[in-house]
Amino acid sequence: MRKRTLPLAVLATAALGLTACAGGGSGSGDVSADGQTLTVWIMQGTNPDSEAFFKEVGSAFKKETGATLKVEYVQWADAHDRFVTSIAGNTTPDVAETGTTWTAEFADAGALAPIGDYVDKAGLKGDLVKGLADSGTYDGELYGMPWYAGVRSIVYRTDVFEELGLKAPTTWQEIIDAGTAIKAAKPDMIPFPVPGDAEFTAYPWVWGAGGEVSELDGDTWKSGLASDDSRKGIQFWTDLATKYDLSSSGATTWKETDVLDNFVQDKVAMAIMGSWTPATIVQKNPELEGKFAAIPIPGEDGGMSPSVLGGSHLSMFNTSKNKDLAFQFIEMMTTGKFASEWAEQTGYFPGQTSLLSDSTESDDPLVKPFAEQFVDGGASLPVTPKFGAVQAKKTTNAMIQAILSGSKSVDQATTDAAKEMDDIMNGK
């Protein structure tokens, strides 16, 4: 299995000698842009206090460069179509937040400007979170500057585990054992939901068993979902529902938001959930504060199963008339003060490894495990414009739902999904 994780030792790059500029960036070179305006698109909802945050950023940006920052907020649900329309009409912003699975697509369309030379000049190359940098790289060029990311691990009810004398699972068998004990003692609680409409909860078991989603072989993408290793992982994941009855029939159509809602309602004992969810859990149900914790997703016999590292880049568009100014904004946002503040306000991790030390050294049971998963077990999905089409088709979700509903065996479902993925990825 190819290496896809970022060694903890890379955090030693914190001492890169970066000098913070007034806005919190590394100060790769001041740009004088009096009277100019930089237009930026930011996705709405990630930070509930975005307007106050960017008001502060705008003031610092104005002080540094003389330019006015114009921020437009875009709904995630509408963003992809809006990008496609603006690219076709040559009306893209100077800089925009791009989801990690979109960056390669927009780069392939010729809409983005490469930023690798800027990053090298700023001395930042060795301080970028590898998984985010990988997903921002297309055809050997960096187009997406790592901004923030989250990762999924297992969140579990510590009060339930303590009451039943259970320990947090460290292997796949221990997940089954703990779930079985919870099912017997608390029949009204779902031990471990297996959501059918949540592809990111399935991939850790594929990778944890040694399988792959899809790999490039020469010029051809080949799905690994139907390999023996992948099938083993998918079999385990779906067996939690179909064999051990640790999920519920309703979860066959659940999204990750449904898992979160049921956890908040005191109905779930263990679940794969994002590093950004603990604050929401406490906000929606204050009585759960102090009653849950997180652990990295276990490997089959110990260790850690990789988990999708997802988040956002900041990308520069070719239409930007002042690319030096555009990168100064990107640098300000993704390094130093403002990167740290954004991560703290949103519950995500920054894209700069030297800013991760507080999280990895934390003793907080809702911070450290996610940070360990993020650094040592963060994985990237195939970096190609075609993978977005696979997600739009819901190839993986349909595979999991077919198994959960009993309409297909694991072998048949993975065979069908692998073929569909190959056809889409290779343009058939």
Protein backbone atom coordinates (compact mmCIF):
# COMPACT_ATOMS: atom_id res chain seq x y z
CA MET A 1 0.00 0.00 0.00
CA ARG A 2 1.49 3.34 -1.00
CA LYS A 3 2.36 5.84 1.69
CA ARG A 4 -0.24 8.55 2.07
CA THR A 5 0.35 9.96 5.53
CA LEU A 6 2.35 12.85 6.94
CA PRO A 7 4.96 11.81 9.53
CA LEU A 8 4.65 13.51 12.90
CA ALA A 9 8.31 14.40 12.65
CA VAL A 10 7.50 16.93 9.96
CA LEU A 11 6.22 19.20 12.70
CA ALA A 12 9.84 19.94 13.39
CA THR A 13 9.64 22.29 10.42
CA ALA A 14 8.06 24.83 12.76
CA ALA A 15 11.40 26.56 13.03
CA LEU A 16 11.48 27.69 9.43
CA GLY A 17 12.36 31.22 10.38
CA LEU A 18 9.10 32.63 9.06
CA THR A 19 8.67 36.29 9.92
CA ALA A 20 5.10 37.36 10.57
CA CYS A 21 3.94 40.44 8.77
CA ALA A 22 1.37 42.83 10.18
CA GLY A 23 -1.57 40.73 9.03
CA GLY A 24 -0.09 37.48 10.31
CA GLY A 25 1.47 36.12 7.11
CA SER A 26 5.11 35.38 6.43
CA GLY A 27 5.82 38.58 4.59
CA SER A 28 7.28 37.23 1.35
CA GLY A 29 7.24 40.72 -0.07
CA ASP A 30 5.01 43.76 0.42
CA VAL A 31 2.85 44.86 -2.49
CA SER A 32 1.88 48.48 -3.01
CA ALA A 33 -1.59 48.54 -4.55
CA ASP A 34 -3.17 51.82 -3.51
CA GLY A 35 -6.62 52.22 -4.95
CA GLN A 36 -6.90 48.65 -6.23
CA THR A 37 -9.57 46.13 -5.20
CA LEU A 38 -9.06 42.40 -4.68
CA THR A 39 -12.21 40.31 -5.13
CA VAL A 40 -12.41 37.10 -3.10
CA TRP A 41 -15.05 34.36 -2.89
CA ILE A 42 -15.42 32.58 0.45
CA MET A 43 -17.77 29.69 1.18
CA GLN A 44 -20.53 30.56 3.61
CA GLY A 45 -21.15 28.67 6.83
CA THR A 46 -17.71 27.31 7.72
CA ASN A 47 -17.15 30.14 10.16
CA PRO A 48 -20.31 31.57 11.77
CA ASP A 49 -18.41 34.80 12.44
CA SER A 50 -16.96 35.19 8.94
CA GLU A 51 -18.02 38.81 8.45
CA ALA A 52 -16.29 40.02 11.62
CA PHE A 53 -13.25 37.91 10.77
CA PHE A 54 -12.87 39.31 7.26
CA LYS A 55 -13.49 42.85 8.47
CA GLU A 56 -10.32 42.47 10.54
CA VAL A 57 -8.51 40.84 7.61
CA GLY A 58 -9.61 43.66 5.31
CA SER A 59 -8.25 46.30 7.65
CA ALA A 60 -4.89 44.54 7.90
CA PHE A 61 -4.79 43.99 4.13
CA LYS A 62 -5.53 47.66 3.49
CA LYS A 63 -2.80 48.71 5.89
CA GLU A 64 -0.24 46.41 4.24
CA THR A 65 -1.06 46.94 0.60
CA GLY A 66 -3.32 49.97 0.23
CA ALA A 67 -5.82 47.76 -1.59
CA THR A 68 -9.46 47.20 -0.69
CA LEU A 69 -10.59 43.66 0.02
CA LYS A 70 -13.99 42.75 -1.43
CA VAL A 71 -15.31 39.48 -0.01
CA GLU A 72 -18.33 37.72 -1.50
CA TYR A 73 -19.89 34.82 0.40
CA VAL A 74 -21.07 31.83 -1.61
CA GLN A 75 -23.24 28.92 -0.48
CA TRP A 76 -21.48 25.55 -0.80
CA ALA A 77 -24.54 24.09 -2.53
CA ASP A 78 -24.39 26.72 -5.28
CA ALA A 79 -20.65 27.19 -5.46
CA HIS A 80 -19.63 24.61 -8.05
CA ASP A 81 -22.20 25.77 -10.61
CA ARG A 82 -21.27 29.38 -9.96
CA PHE A 83 -17.61 28.61 -10.54
CA VAL A 84 -18.36 26.78 -13.78
CA THR A 85 -20.48 29.70 -15.03
CA SER A 86 -17.87 32.30 -14.07
CA ILE A 87 -15.07 30.30 -15.70
CA ALA A 88 -17.06 30.03 -18.92
CA GLY A 89 -17.81 33.75 -18.85
CA ASN A 90 -14.30 34.81 -17.81
CA THR A 91 -15.74 36.55 -14.73
CA THR A 92 -13.88 34.70 -11.99
CA PRO A 93 -12.67 36.47 -8.83
CA ASP A 94 -9.02 37.18 -8.08
CA VAL A 95 -8.92 34.55 -5.33
CA ALA A 96 -11.43 31.99 -4.13
CA GLU A 97 -11.84 29.23 -1.62
CA THR A 98 -11.90 25.99 -3.57
CA GLY A 99 -12.86 22.62 -2.12
CA THR A 100 -10.04 20.10 -2.26
CA THR A 101 -11.83 17.97 -4.84
CA TRP A 102 -12.50 20.99 -7.09
CA THR A 103 -9.03 22.47 -7.39
CA ALA A 104 -7.75 19.95 -9.94
CA GLU A 105 -10.94 20.37 -12.00
CA PHE A 106 -10.56 24.15 -12.21
CA ALA A 107 -6.84 23.86 -12.91
CA ASP A 108 -7.56 21.41 -15.71
CA ALA A 109 -10.02 23.92 -17.16
CA GLY A 110 -7.19 26.47 -17.33
CA ALA A 111 -8.87 28.81 -14.85
CA LEU A 112 -6.25 28.80 -12.11
CA ALA A 113 -2.79 30.33 -11.95
CA PRO A 114 0.05 28.17 -10.58
CA ILE A 115 1.39 29.41 -7.24
CA GLY A 116 4.35 27.10 -6.67
CA ASP A 117 6.94 29.81 -7.40
CA TYR A 118 5.26 32.16 -4.89
CA VAL A 119 5.26 29.44 -2.25
CA ASP A 120 8.92 28.65 -2.87
CA LYS A 121 9.88 32.32 -2.68
CA ALA A 122 8.02 32.68 0.61
CA GLY A 123 9.89 29.68 2.05
CA LEU A 124 6.65 27.84 2.76
CA LYS A 125 6.97 24.68 0.67
CA GLY A 126 8.24 22.46 3.50
CA ASP A 127 5.61 23.74 5.92
CA LEU A 128 2.46 22.75 4.07
CA VAL A 129 0.31 19.85 5.25
CA LYS A 130 1.17 17.15 2.73
CA GLY A 131 -2.31 15.78 2.13
CA LEU A 132 -3.67 19.26 1.39
CA ALA A 133 -0.70 20.16 -0.80
CA ASP A 134 -1.13 16.90 -2.73
CA SER A 135 -4.80 17.59 -3.43
CA GLY A 136 -3.89 21.13 -4.52
CA THR A 137 -1.32 19.86 -7.03
CA TYR A 138 -2.29 19.06 -10.60
CA ASP A 139 0.02 17.98 -13.41
CA GLY A 140 3.05 18.80 -11.26
CA GLU A 141 1.99 22.35 -10.41
CA LEU A 142 0.58 23.70 -7.13
CA TYR A 143 -2.73 25.48 -7.74
CA GLY A 144 -4.34 25.30 -4.31
CA MET A 145 -2.72 26.79 -1.21
CA PRO A 146 -3.63 24.67 1.83
CA TRP A 147 -5.92 26.78 4.02
CA TYR A 148 -7.80 24.55 6.43
CA ALA A 149 -8.87 20.95 6.72
CA GLY A 150 -10.69 18.50 8.87
CA VAL A 151 -10.51 14.78 9.28
CA ARG A 152 -12.90 12.10 10.47
CA SER A 153 -12.21 9.87 13.44
CA ILE A 154 -14.41 7.90 15.83
CA VAL A 155 -16.39 9.86 18.41
CA TYR A 156 -17.76 7.79 21.28
CA ARG A 157 -19.74 8.21 24.46
CA THR A 158 -17.27 7.95 27.31
CA ASP A 159 -20.05 7.82 29.89
CA VAL A 160 -21.59 4.78 28.21
CA PHE A 161 -18.23 3.04 27.92
CA GLU A 162 -17.41 3.74 31.57
CA GLU A 163 -20.82 2.54 32.74
CA LEU A 164 -20.37 -0.77 30.90
CA GLY A 165 -16.69 -1.18 31.79
CA LEU A 166 -15.58 -0.89 28.16
CA LYS A 167 -12.34 0.48 26.77
CA ALA A 168 -12.06 2.55 23.62
CA PRO A 169 -11.50 0.11 20.72
CA THR A 170 -8.03 -0.18 19.21
CA THR A 171 -8.78 -2.90 16.61
CA TRP A 172 -11.66 -3.78 14.33
CA GLN A 173 -12.62 -6.75 16.48
CA GLU A 174 -12.75 -4.51 19.54
CA ILE A 175 -15.23 -2.27 17.70
CA ILE A 176 -17.46 -5.30 17.21
CA ASP A 177 -17.03 -6.40 20.83
CA ALA A 178 -17.81 -2.97 22.25
CA GLY A 179 -20.77 -2.52 19.93
CA THR A 180 -22.18 -5.91 20.84
CA ALA A 181 -21.93 -5.10 24.55
CA ILE A 182 -23.67 -1.76 24.06
CA LYS A 183 -26.42 -3.37 21.99
CA ALA A 184 -27.13 -5.88 24.78
CA ALA A 185 -27.10 -3.32 27.59
CA LYS A 186 -28.77 -0.41 25.81
CA PRO A 187 -31.17 -1.68 23.13
CA ASP A 188 -32.52 1.81 22.45
CA MET A 189 -29.08 3.11 21.45
CA ILE A 190 -27.41 2.59 18.06
CA PRO A 191 -23.96 1.18 18.83
CA PHE A 192 -22.28 2.23 15.55
CA PRO A 193 -24.37 3.61 12.64
CA VAL A 194 -23.26 2.78 9.09
CA PRO A 195 -24.60 5.67 6.98
CA GLY A 196 -25.32 4.70 3.39
CA ASP A 197 -25.14 8.18 1.90
CA ALA A 198 -21.75 9.16 3.34
CA GLU A 199 -18.85 8.00 1.18
CA PHE A 200 -16.14 9.49 3.41
CA THR A 201 -17.10 7.09 6.22
CA ALA A 202 -16.41 4.10 3.94
CA TYR A 203 -12.93 4.90 2.64
CA PRO A 204 -11.05 4.44 5.95
CA TRP A 205 -11.95 0.73 5.94
CA VAL A 206 -10.79 0.36 2.33
CA TRP A 207 -7.44 1.96 3.13
CA GLY A 208 -7.21 0.27 6.53
CA ALA A 209 -7.44 -3.14 4.85
CA GLY A 210 -4.70 -2.20 2.38
CA GLY A 211 -6.98 -1.35 -0.53
CA GLU A 212 -7.18 1.69 -2.79
CA VAL A 213 -9.99 3.81 -4.20
CA SER A 214 -8.39 4.43 -7.60
CA GLU A 215 -4.82 4.73 -8.85
CA LEU A 216 -3.27 6.01 -12.05
CA ASP A 217 -1.61 3.27 -14.11
CA GLY A 218 0.16 5.04 -16.94
CA ASP A 219 -2.60 7.15 -18.47
CA THR A 220 -5.42 4.99 -17.14
CA TRP A 221 -7.23 5.22 -13.82
CA LYS A 222 -7.92 1.83 -12.23
CA SER A 223 -10.31 1.49 -9.32
CA GLY A 224 -9.18 -0.72 -6.47
CA LEU A 225 -12.63 -1.10 -4.90
CA ALA A 226 -13.03 -4.65 -6.19
CA SER A 227 -9.65 -5.87 -4.92
CA ASP A 228 -9.52 -8.49 -2.18
CA ASP A 229 -8.14 -5.95 0.29
CA SER A 230 -10.80 -3.35 -0.42
CA ARG A 231 -13.54 -5.95 -0.23
CA LYS A 232 -12.27 -7.03 3.16
CA GLY A 233 -12.56 -3.49 4.48
CA ILE A 234 -15.97 -2.89 2.92
CA GLN A 235 -17.18 -6.24 4.24
CA PHE A 236 -16.17 -5.26 7.77
CA TRP A 237 -17.83 -1.85 7.53
CA THR A 238 -21.13 -3.14 6.19
CA ASP A 239 -21.07 -6.22 8.46
CA LEU A 240 -21.42 -3.86 11.41
CA ALA A 241 -24.97 -3.36 10.13
CA THR A 242 -25.86 -6.53 8.24
CA LYS A 243 -24.15 -9.18 10.36
CA TYR A 244 -23.79 -7.71 13.84
CA ASP A 245 -26.87 -5.44 13.81
CA LEU A 246 -24.94 -2.54 15.34
CA SER A 247 -26.50 0.06 13.03
CA SER A 248 -30.15 0.61 12.08
CA SER A 249 -32.17 0.13 8.92
CA GLY A 250 -32.84 3.84 8.77
CA ALA A 251 -29.13 4.58 8.53
CA THR A 252 -29.07 3.04 5.04
CA THR A 253 -30.05 6.46 3.67
CA TRP A 254 -28.30 8.61 6.27
CA LYS A 255 -25.87 11.38 5.46
CA GLU A 256 -23.18 12.47 7.93
CA THR A 257 -25.51 15.20 9.18
CA ASP A 258 -28.01 12.51 10.15
CA VAL A 259 -25.33 10.75 12.19
CA LEU A 260 -24.56 14.02 13.95
CA ASP A 261 -28.23 14.73 14.66
CA ASN A 262 -28.79 11.29 16.18
CA PHE A 263 -25.63 11.56 18.28
CA VAL A 264 -26.86 14.90 19.60
CA GLN A 265 -30.21 13.28 20.45
CA ASP A 266 -28.48 10.72 22.69
CA LYS A 267 -29.20 7.85 20.28
CA VAL A 268 -25.68 6.89 19.15
CA ALA A 269 -22.79 5.38 21.13
CA MET A 270 -20.00 5.42 18.50
CA ALA A 271 -19.75 6.98 15.07
CA ILE A 272 -17.33 8.27 12.46
CA MET A 273 -17.56 12.03 12.74
CA GLY A 274 -15.56 15.07 11.72
CA SER A 275 -13.09 17.04 13.79
CA TRP A 276 -15.40 20.04 13.40
CA THR A 277 -18.41 18.36 15.04
CA PRO A 278 -17.64 18.38 18.83
CA ALA A 279 -18.45 22.08 19.20
CA THR A 280 -21.74 21.56 17.39
CA ILE A 281 -22.62 18.60 19.61
CA VAL A 282 -22.14 20.63 22.79
CA GLN A 283 -23.92 23.63 21.29
CA LYS A 284 -26.98 21.55 20.39
CA ASN A 285 -26.98 19.42 23.55
CA PRO A 286 -25.02 21.01 26.43
CA GLU A 287 -25.79 17.98 28.62
CA LEU A 288 -23.34 15.92 26.54
CA GLU A 289 -20.39 18.12 27.42
CA GLY A 290 -17.70 15.98 29.05
CA LYS A 291 -19.49 12.78 28.08
CA PHE A 292 -17.80 12.01 24.77
CA ALA A 293 -14.31 11.80 23.33
CA ALA A 294 -12.56 10.83 20.10
CA ILE A 295 -10.09 8.17 19.00
CA PRO A 296 -8.29 7.69 15.69
CA ILE A 297 -9.95 5.09 13.47
CA PRO A 298 -8.24 1.82 14.41
CA GLY A 299 -6.39 -0.36 11.96
CA GLU A 300 -7.57 -3.95 11.63
CA ASP A 301 -5.07 -5.27 14.18
CA GLY A 302 -4.04 -1.98 15.77
CA GLY A 303 -2.49 1.23 14.65
CA MET A 304 -4.54 3.62 12.56
CA SER A 305 -6.69 3.42 9.44
CA PRO A 306 -6.24 6.42 7.12
CA SER A 307 -9.13 8.85 6.89
CA VAL A 308 -10.07 11.37 4.21
CA LEU A 309 -8.39 14.69 4.81
CA GLY A 310 -10.82 17.20 3.36
CA GLY A 311 -11.05 20.94 3.45
CA SER A 312 -10.30 23.96 1.34
CA HIS A 313 -7.57 25.63 -0.63
CA LEU A 314 -7.20 29.26 -1.57
CA SER A 315 -6.66 29.47 -5.31
CA MET A 316 -5.59 32.32 -7.56
CA PHE A 317 -7.46 32.75 -10.83
CA ASN A 318 -5.81 33.59 -14.13
CA THR A 319 -8.13 36.56 -14.51
CA SER A 320 -6.47 38.32 -11.56
CA LYS A 321 -4.75 41.47 -12.84
CA ASN A 322 -2.38 41.71 -9.86
CA LYS A 323 -1.20 38.24 -8.98
CA ASP A 324 1.41 39.48 -6.51
CA LEU A 325 -1.37 41.18 -4.58
CA ALA A 326 -3.53 38.07 -4.83
CA PHE A 327 -0.80 35.89 -3.37
CA GLN A 328 -0.13 38.35 -0.56
CA PHE A 329 -3.74 37.88 0.49
CA ILE A 330 -3.43 34.08 0.16
CA GLU A 331 -0.29 34.11 2.28
CA MET A 332 -1.89 36.33 4.91
CA MET A 333 -4.84 33.96 5.21
CA THR A 334 -2.98 30.65 5.27
CA THR A 335 -0.04 31.42 7.55
CA GLY A 336 0.48 32.94 10.95
CA LYS A 337 -2.11 34.86 12.96
CA PHE A 338 -5.12 34.71 10.67
CA ALA A 339 -4.65 31.03 9.84
CA SER A 340 -4.56 30.23 13.56
CA GLU A 341 -7.61 32.36 14.31
CA TRP A 342 -9.61 30.81 11.47
CA ALA A 343 -8.77 27.31 12.66
CA GLU A 344 -9.73 28.17 16.23
CA GLN A 345 -13.03 29.75 15.23
CA THR A 346 -14.08 26.97 12.86
CA GLY A 347 -12.80 23.87 14.63
CA TYR A 348 -10.70 22.89 11.61
CA PHE A 349 -6.95 22.41 11.40
CA PRO A 350 -4.67 24.89 9.62
CA GLY A 351 -2.84 23.93 6.44
CA GLN A 352 0.54 24.91 7.82
CA THR A 353 2.28 22.16 9.81
CA SER A 354 4.08 24.58 12.11
CA LEU A 355 0.68 25.73 13.38
CA LEU A 356 -0.37 22.21 14.38
CA SER A 357 1.87 21.79 17.41
CA ASP A 358 -0.71 23.09 19.90
CA SER A 359 -3.22 20.52 18.65
CA THR A 360 -0.86 17.55 18.56
CA GLU A 361 0.47 18.36 22.03
CA SER A 362 -2.98 18.91 23.52
CA ASP A 363 -4.38 16.58 26.17
CA ASP A 364 -7.95 17.45 25.22
CA PRO A 365 -9.76 14.17 24.35
CA LEU A 366 -11.61 16.04 21.61
CA VAL A 367 -8.52 17.62 20.04
CA LYS A 368 -5.48 15.35 20.29
CA PRO A 369 -7.00 12.21 18.68
CA PHE A 370 -8.24 14.19 15.68
CA ALA A 371 -4.85 15.89 15.40
CA GLU A 372 -3.11 12.50 15.45
CA GLN A 373 -5.46 11.24 12.74
CA PHE A 374 -4.90 14.42 10.75
CA VAL A 375 -1.10 14.26 10.90
CA ASP A 376 -0.40 10.53 10.91
CA GLY A 377 -3.49 9.23 9.12
CA GLY A 378 -4.81 11.86 6.75
CA ALA A 379 -5.39 10.52 3.23
CA SER A 380 -6.24 12.13 -0.10
CA LEU A 381 -8.73 10.98 -2.71
CA PRO A 382 -7.63 10.70 -6.37
CA VAL A 383 -6.44 14.08 -7.62
CA THR A 384 -8.15 14.35 -10.98
CA PRO A 385 -10.96 16.48 -12.43
CA LYS A 386 -12.88 13.25 -13.04
CA PHE A 387 -13.28 12.28 -9.39
CA GLY A 388 -15.81 15.03 -8.87
CA ALA A 389 -17.97 13.30 -11.48
CA VAL A 390 -17.66 10.03 -9.53
CA GLN A 391 -18.88 11.83 -6.43
CA ALA A 392 -21.72 13.46 -8.34
CA LYS A 393 -22.78 10.02 -9.56
CA LYS A 394 -22.62 8.78 -5.94
CA THR A 395 -20.82 5.64 -7.06
CA THR A 396 -19.47 4.73 -3.62
CA ASN A 397 -22.70 5.61 -1.81
CA ALA A 398 -24.74 3.44 -4.18
CA MET A 399 -22.31 0.57 -3.57
CA ILE A 400 -22.66 0.81 0.22
CA GLN A 401 -26.44 1.20 0.07
CA ALA A 402 -26.79 -1.84 -2.18
CA ILE A 403 -24.89 -3.94 0.35
CA LEU A 404 -26.78 -2.56 3.34
CA SER A 405 -30.16 -3.14 1.69
CA GLY A 406 -29.22 -6.68 0.70
CA SER A 407 -29.79 -6.08 -3.02
CA LYS A 408 -26.17 -6.91 -3.84
CA SER A 409 -23.36 -8.91 -2.27
CA VAL A 410 -20.09 -7.19 -1.43
CA ASP A 411 -18.43 -8.86 -4.44
CA GLN A 412 -21.14 -7.76 -6.88
CA ALA A 413 -21.48 -4.25 -5.47
CA THR A 414 -17.74 -3.59 -5.53
CA THR A 415 -17.42 -5.03 -9.03
CA ASP A 416 -20.17 -2.74 -10.31
CA ALA A 417 -18.79 0.30 -8.47
CA ALA A 418 -15.25 -0.26 -9.72
CA LYS A 419 -16.46 -0.52 -13.32
CA GLU A 420 -18.56 2.62 -13.04
CA MET A 421 -15.67 4.48 -11.43
CA ASP A 422 -13.27 3.37 -14.18
CA ASP A 423 -15.71 4.38 -16.91
CA ILE A 424 -16.17 7.86 -15.42
CA MET A 425 -12.50 8.42 -14.59
CA ASN A 426 -11.38 7.36 -18.05
CA GLY A 427 -14.07 9.27 -19.90
CA LYS A 428 -16.04 6.33 -21.25
